[in-house]
Protein backbone atom coordinates (compact mmCIF):
# COMPACT_ATOMS: atom_id res chain seq x y z
CA MET A 1 74.68 76.05 94.65
CA SER A 2 72.09 74.16 97.29
CA LEU A 3 71.47 74.92 100.94
CA ALA A 4 71.26 71.86 102.83
CA SER A 5 70.32 72.56 106.51
CA PRO A 6 67.28 71.42 107.75
CA MET A 7 67.10 74.67 109.36
CA THR A 8 64.97 77.56 108.81
CA ILE A 9 64.11 81.05 109.51
CA SER A 10 61.13 82.82 108.99
CA ALA A 11 60.31 86.23 110.46
CA GLY A 12 63.78 86.54 111.94
CA ARG A 13 63.51 83.62 114.00
CA LEU A 14 65.53 80.04 113.52
CA SER A 15 63.26 76.80 113.52
CA ALA A 16 65.49 74.86 115.74
CA ALA A 17 66.05 77.90 118.28
CA THR A 18 64.03 77.88 121.97
CA TRP A 19 63.14 81.41 121.90
CA LEU A 20 63.94 83.22 125.08
CA ALA A 21 63.61 87.34 124.86
CA SER A 22 66.36 89.49 125.72
CA PRO A 23 65.49 93.08 126.23
CA ASN A 24 68.76 94.21 125.26
CA GLN A 25 67.97 94.96 121.60
CA ASN A 26 66.73 97.39 119.49
CA ASN A 27 65.92 98.49 115.82
CA ARG A 28 68.20 98.30 113.48
CA PRO A 29 68.77 101.71 111.30
CA THR A 30 66.63 102.17 108.80
CA GLU A 31 67.51 100.44 105.59
CA THR A 32 70.44 98.44 107.18
CA SER A 33 71.57 95.35 105.21
CA ILE A 34 71.54 92.23 107.52
CA ASP A 35 75.54 91.05 105.66
CA THR A 36 77.93 89.59 108.61
CA ILE A 37 78.11 87.37 110.97
CA VAL A 38 79.97 86.97 114.38
CA ILE A 39 81.03 84.41 116.14
CA HIS A 40 81.74 84.96 119.73
CA ASN A 41 82.49 82.81 123.01
CA ILE A 42 81.42 83.20 126.27
CA SER A 43 81.31 81.08 129.52
CA LEU A 44 79.51 82.10 132.60
CA PRO A 45 81.77 81.89 135.31
CA PRO A 46 84.85 82.00 133.12
CA ASN A 47 85.65 78.55 131.77
CA GLU A 48 82.97 77.18 133.81
CA PHE A 49 80.18 75.32 131.61
CA GLY A 50 76.44 74.50 132.06
CA ALA A 51 76.43 76.65 135.10
CA CYS A 52 72.84 78.08 136.21
CA ASP A 53 71.54 79.90 138.98
CA ALA A 54 69.31 79.08 141.97
CA ASN A 55 66.07 78.44 139.56
CA GLY A 56 68.03 76.33 136.95
CA MET A 57 68.63 79.28 134.53
CA HIS A 58 71.56 79.25 132.37
CA TYR A 59 74.20 82.14 134.01
CA VAL A 60 74.75 82.78 130.29
CA LYS A 61 71.33 83.30 129.54
CA ALA A 62 70.37 84.92 132.60
CA LEU A 63 72.83 87.72 131.60
CA PHE A 64 71.18 88.04 128.22
CA THR A 65 67.90 88.63 129.82
CA ASN A 66 68.83 90.89 132.59
CA GLN A 67 68.00 87.90 135.52
CA LEU A 68 71.70 87.63 136.48
CA ASP A 69 72.19 87.41 140.06
CA TRP A 70 75.55 89.56 140.33
CA ASN A 71 75.88 87.93 143.73
CA ALA A 72 76.01 84.93 142.97
CA HIS A 73 79.59 84.45 141.80
CA PRO A 74 83.04 86.82 142.55
CA TYR A 75 83.04 87.19 138.86
CA PHE A 76 80.05 88.79 138.32
CA GLN A 77 80.96 91.51 140.33
CA THR A 78 83.09 92.64 137.16
CA ILE A 79 80.37 92.61 135.02
CA ARG A 80 77.56 94.00 137.36
CA GLY A 81 75.06 95.93 135.26
CA ALA A 82 76.29 94.99 131.71
CA GLU A 83 73.56 95.16 129.67
CA VAL A 84 74.34 92.60 126.51
CA SER A 85 73.00 90.15 124.23
CA ALA A 86 72.96 87.65 120.98
CA HIS A 87 70.81 86.75 118.19
CA LEU A 88 72.07 83.15 119.32
CA PHE A 89 73.60 80.99 122.06
CA ILE A 90 74.75 77.76 121.45
CA GLU A 91 75.75 75.44 124.15
CA ARG A 92 78.39 72.74 124.66
CA ASP A 93 75.23 69.94 123.56
CA GLY A 94 74.32 71.75 120.65
CA ALA A 95 71.18 73.47 122.44
CA ILE A 96 70.37 76.55 120.74
CA THR A 97 68.40 79.57 122.19
CA GLN A 98 67.44 82.84 120.38
CA PHE A 99 67.29 86.06 122.25
CA VAL A 100 66.37 88.47 119.73
CA SER A 101 65.14 88.32 115.97
CA PHE A 102 67.33 88.54 113.23
CA GLU A 103 65.46 91.55 112.34
CA GLU A 104 66.74 93.60 115.24
CA ARG A 105 69.84 94.67 116.24
CA ALA A 106 71.46 92.50 119.37
CA TRP A 107 73.91 93.94 121.42
CA HIS A 108 77.26 91.93 121.29
CA ALA A 109 79.80 93.33 119.27
CA GLY A 110 80.37 96.11 121.08
CA ARG A 111 82.71 98.83 120.03
CA SER A 112 83.84 97.53 116.66
CA SER A 113 84.23 98.02 113.14
CA TYR A 114 84.39 95.72 110.14
CA LEU A 115 85.97 95.96 106.79
CA GLY A 116 85.85 99.60 107.43
CA ARG A 117 82.43 100.10 108.60
CA PRO A 118 81.86 101.12 112.19
CA ASP A 119 79.13 99.31 114.58
CA CYS A 120 78.78 96.19 113.80
CA ASN A 121 75.78 95.67 115.29
CA ASN A 122 74.08 97.85 113.31
CA TYR A 123 74.11 95.01 110.05
CA SER A 124 75.59 91.80 111.62
CA ILE A 125 74.32 88.70 113.43
CA GLY A 126 76.14 87.95 116.74
CA ILE A 127 76.28 84.02 117.64
CA GLU A 128 78.11 82.89 120.89
CA LEU A 129 79.18 79.44 121.48
CA GLU A 130 79.57 78.43 125.04
CA GLY A 131 82.92 78.02 125.38
CA SER A 132 86.42 80.16 126.52
CA ASP A 133 89.80 80.92 124.84
CA PHE A 134 91.05 77.98 126.14
CA VAL A 135 89.33 75.04 125.38
CA SER A 136 87.98 73.16 122.36
CA PHE A 137 84.73 73.26 121.28
CA THR A 138 82.33 70.17 121.05
CA ASN A 139 81.40 68.65 117.85
CA THR A 140 78.33 68.85 118.12
CA GLN A 141 78.87 72.95 118.48
CA TYR A 142 80.51 72.98 114.93
CA GLU A 143 77.64 71.02 113.49
CA THR A 144 75.09 72.93 115.02
CA LEU A 145 77.01 76.29 113.99
CA ALA A 146 77.50 75.16 110.42
CA GLN A 147 73.45 74.23 110.05
CA ILE A 148 73.20 77.70 111.42
CA ILE A 149 74.91 79.36 109.06
CA LEU A 150 73.22 77.21 106.20
CA ALA A 151 70.17 78.92 107.19
CA ILE A 152 71.33 82.27 107.69
CA TYR A 153 72.76 82.33 104.15
CA GLN A 154 69.58 81.26 102.84
CA ALA A 155 67.77 84.26 104.87
CA TYR A 156 70.11 86.71 103.95
CA PRO A 157 72.45 86.16 101.55
CA LYS A 158 74.69 88.89 101.99
CA THR A 159 76.27 86.96 104.89
CA ARG A 160 77.89 84.48 102.64
CA ARG A 161 80.66 86.49 102.13
CA HIS A 162 81.38 88.02 105.67
CA LEU A 163 82.26 84.95 108.31
CA THR A 164 84.48 86.77 110.83
CA GLY A 165 85.10 86.72 114.80
CA HIS A 166 84.80 89.05 117.69
CA SER A 167 88.50 89.35 117.86
CA ASP A 168 88.79 90.44 114.18
CA ILE A 169 86.27 92.97 114.68
CA ALA A 170 87.53 94.82 117.86
CA PRO A 171 91.04 93.55 117.76
CA GLY A 172 92.89 94.50 121.27
CA ARG A 173 89.62 94.54 123.10
CA LYS A 174 88.29 91.28 122.34
CA THR A 175 89.91 87.54 121.55
CA ASP A 176 87.04 85.80 121.31
CA PRO A 177 86.23 83.10 119.69
CA GLY A 178 89.65 82.34 120.28
CA ASP A 179 92.70 80.24 119.25
CA TYR A 180 90.74 76.96 120.14
CA PHE A 181 88.24 77.95 117.56
CA GLU A 182 88.48 75.88 114.20
CA TRP A 183 87.73 78.17 111.36
CA PRO A 184 89.31 75.65 108.78
CA ARG A 185 86.86 72.96 110.18
CA LEU A 186 83.51 75.37 110.28
CA ARG A 187 84.24 76.51 106.15
CA ASP A 188 84.89 73.04 105.94
CA LEU A 189 81.50 71.87 107.23
CA ILE A 190 79.99 74.72 105.39
CA ALA A 191 80.99 73.96 101.98
CA LYS A 192 80.77 70.18 102.29
CA SER A 193 76.50 71.28 102.61
CA LEU A 194 76.81 73.58 100.03
CA ASN A 195 78.07 71.31 97.49
CA GLN A 196 75.75 68.41 98.60
């Protein structure tokens, strides 16, 4: 089984990603095995894509680096003080930003459980897609995400059997990546690359 991804992971970093360190991270528990990938969606303000602050920083990147101006939009008051992050953020055009090394624990899942195991942040990699529950994701996002997942599979082989959504690990609390996320399409892209 070959892995046809032009992306690689070395020392916890994805080759194709721009690095922007988040303070919202900490060490994974000792002897924790990375074995799960969690897909999310995010947009700030909700359902707006590519929105930036006065300095030109994408609002999502500002949130993940604790630089979001809580007064810049009324919605931001509802999440004021949030300290969150993800390992990766994929914008609508496929641009990738990495905030936390895969070797470290990003704060993306919150209260969560997967296959009976609590605290998914301990053993998962969190990937945020720029989007919402109410719109389709872009072709480029699917293609980029598939290549990222292949690189993760290569670096962390135990993840091959555990690809899930935020709504699956936090049911009733979270709904992302949403009904518009095409799981069969993603799995087909991954399978085609695995079989090349």
